[in-house]
Amino acid sequence: MASAIIIGVVLVLDVLAFVLAIGAEKRRSTAYVNVNAAAQPYCVYGSDAATAYGVGAMLLLLASQVVIMVATKCFCCGRALSPGRWRALAGFCFIACW
């Protein structure tokens, strides 16, 4: 039962991160060229909500990774894996998922 709850929590966090990433893509900042009094053009950018959405998505993915690491007692959240191929595979999967 506990593993189903963990899978559900991770799934919800990942779906929310995906929604925020789509929102960030939709809210990308736009720019237009304006001319000052000396007839020099310069760019004016709108509000940048996309950055906040992107940071929020990254934090949700990080929280998902922490939940998985705490539940599996992997890396820094429990007894370390003994050196060998399983530890190398865990490290590779941890890096590849980002």
Protein backbone atom coordinates (compact mmCIF):
# COMPACT_ATOMS: atom_id res chain seq x y z
CA MET A 1 0.00 0.00 0.00
CA ALA A 2 2.83 2.39 0.82
CA SER A 3 4.39 1.98 -2.62
CA ALA A 4 1.08 2.88 -4.29
CA ILE A 5 0.91 6.07 -2.23
CA ILE A 6 4.48 6.98 -3.17
CA ILE A 7 3.79 6.31 -6.84
CA GLY A 8 0.67 8.47 -6.59
CA VAL A 9 2.54 11.34 -4.93
CA VAL A 10 5.34 11.19 -7.50
CA LEU A 11 2.83 11.03 -10.35
CA VAL A 12 0.96 14.09 -9.05
CA LEU A 13 4.21 16.06 -8.62
CA ASP A 14 5.37 15.14 -12.12
CA VAL A 15 2.03 16.02 -13.73
CA LEU A 16 2.01 19.39 -11.95
CA ALA A 17 5.57 20.02 -13.16
CA PHE A 18 4.48 19.17 -16.70
CA VAL A 19 1.53 21.58 -16.46
CA LEU A 20 3.82 24.35 -15.21
CA ALA A 21 6.27 23.66 -18.03
CA ILE A 22 3.47 23.96 -20.61
CA GLY A 23 2.32 27.17 -18.89
CA ALA A 24 5.87 28.53 -19.05
CA GLU A 25 6.01 27.81 -22.76
CA LYS A 26 2.72 29.63 -23.31
CA ARG A 27 3.79 32.65 -21.22
CA ARG A 28 7.17 33.28 -22.81
CA SER A 29 8.11 36.93 -22.68
CA THR A 30 7.59 39.00 -25.78
CA ALA A 31 9.50 42.08 -26.84
CA TYR A 32 8.88 45.04 -29.06
CA VAL A 33 11.17 47.77 -30.33
CA ASN A 34 10.61 51.28 -29.01
CA VAL A 35 12.35 54.50 -30.00
CA ASN A 36 13.56 57.03 -27.42
CA ALA A 37 13.76 60.82 -27.78
CA ALA A 38 17.20 60.63 -29.44
CA ALA A 39 15.76 58.34 -32.15
CA GLN A 40 17.66 55.32 -30.81
CA PRO A 41 15.79 52.02 -30.86
CA TYR A 42 15.68 49.82 -27.74
CA CYS A 43 13.84 46.66 -26.73
CA VAL A 44 11.04 46.60 -24.19
CA TYR A 45 10.16 43.22 -22.64
CA GLY A 46 6.86 42.24 -21.04
CA SER A 47 6.53 40.52 -17.68
CA ASP A 48 8.44 37.27 -17.33
CA ALA A 49 6.05 34.83 -15.68
CA ALA A 50 7.65 31.99 -17.64
CA THR A 51 10.72 32.05 -15.40
CA ALA A 52 8.60 31.61 -12.28
CA TYR A 53 6.69 28.75 -13.90
CA GLY A 54 9.93 27.09 -14.96
CA VAL A 55 11.46 27.40 -11.49
CA GLY A 56 8.25 26.00 -10.00
CA ALA A 57 8.38 23.02 -12.37
CA MET A 58 12.02 22.39 -11.49
CA LEU A 59 11.25 22.50 -7.76
CA LEU A 60 8.38 20.05 -8.20
CA LEU A 61 10.67 17.65 -10.08
CA LEU A 62 13.26 18.03 -7.34
CA ALA A 63 10.62 17.27 -4.71
CA SER A 64 9.66 14.17 -6.70
CA GLN A 65 13.28 13.01 -6.69
CA VAL A 66 13.55 13.60 -2.94
CA VAL A 67 10.39 11.56 -2.31
CA ILE A 68 11.82 8.68 -4.35
CA MET A 69 15.23 8.88 -2.65
CA VAL A 70 13.70 8.94 0.83
CA ALA A 71 11.34 6.06 0.04
CA THR A 72 14.08 3.88 -1.44
CA LYS A 73 16.76 5.02 1.03
CA CYS A 74 19.02 5.74 -1.90
CA PHE A 75 22.18 7.89 -1.85
CA CYS A 76 22.09 10.35 1.05
CA CYS A 77 18.77 9.28 2.61
CA GLY A 78 19.80 5.98 4.12
CA ARG A 79 22.44 3.30 4.14
CA ALA A 80 24.71 3.69 1.15
CA LEU A 81 24.73 1.11 -1.61
CA SER A 82 27.82 -1.03 -1.63
CA PRO A 83 30.24 -0.17 -4.43
CA GLY A 84 29.55 -2.10 -7.58
CA ARG A 85 27.38 -2.16 -10.64
CA TRP A 86 24.10 -1.45 -8.81
CA ARG A 87 25.53 1.70 -7.26
CA ALA A 88 26.85 2.78 -10.65
CA LEU A 89 23.47 2.06 -12.24
CA ALA A 90 21.69 4.07 -9.54
CA GLY A 91 24.06 6.99 -10.12
CA PHE A 92 23.61 6.79 -13.89
CA CYS A 93 19.80 6.72 -13.58
CA PHE A 94 19.85 9.64 -11.14
CA ILE A 95 21.91 11.77 -13.55
CA ALA A 96 20.06 10.63 -16.67
CA CYS A 97 16.65 11.53 -15.27
CA TRP A 98 17.67 15.19 -15.17
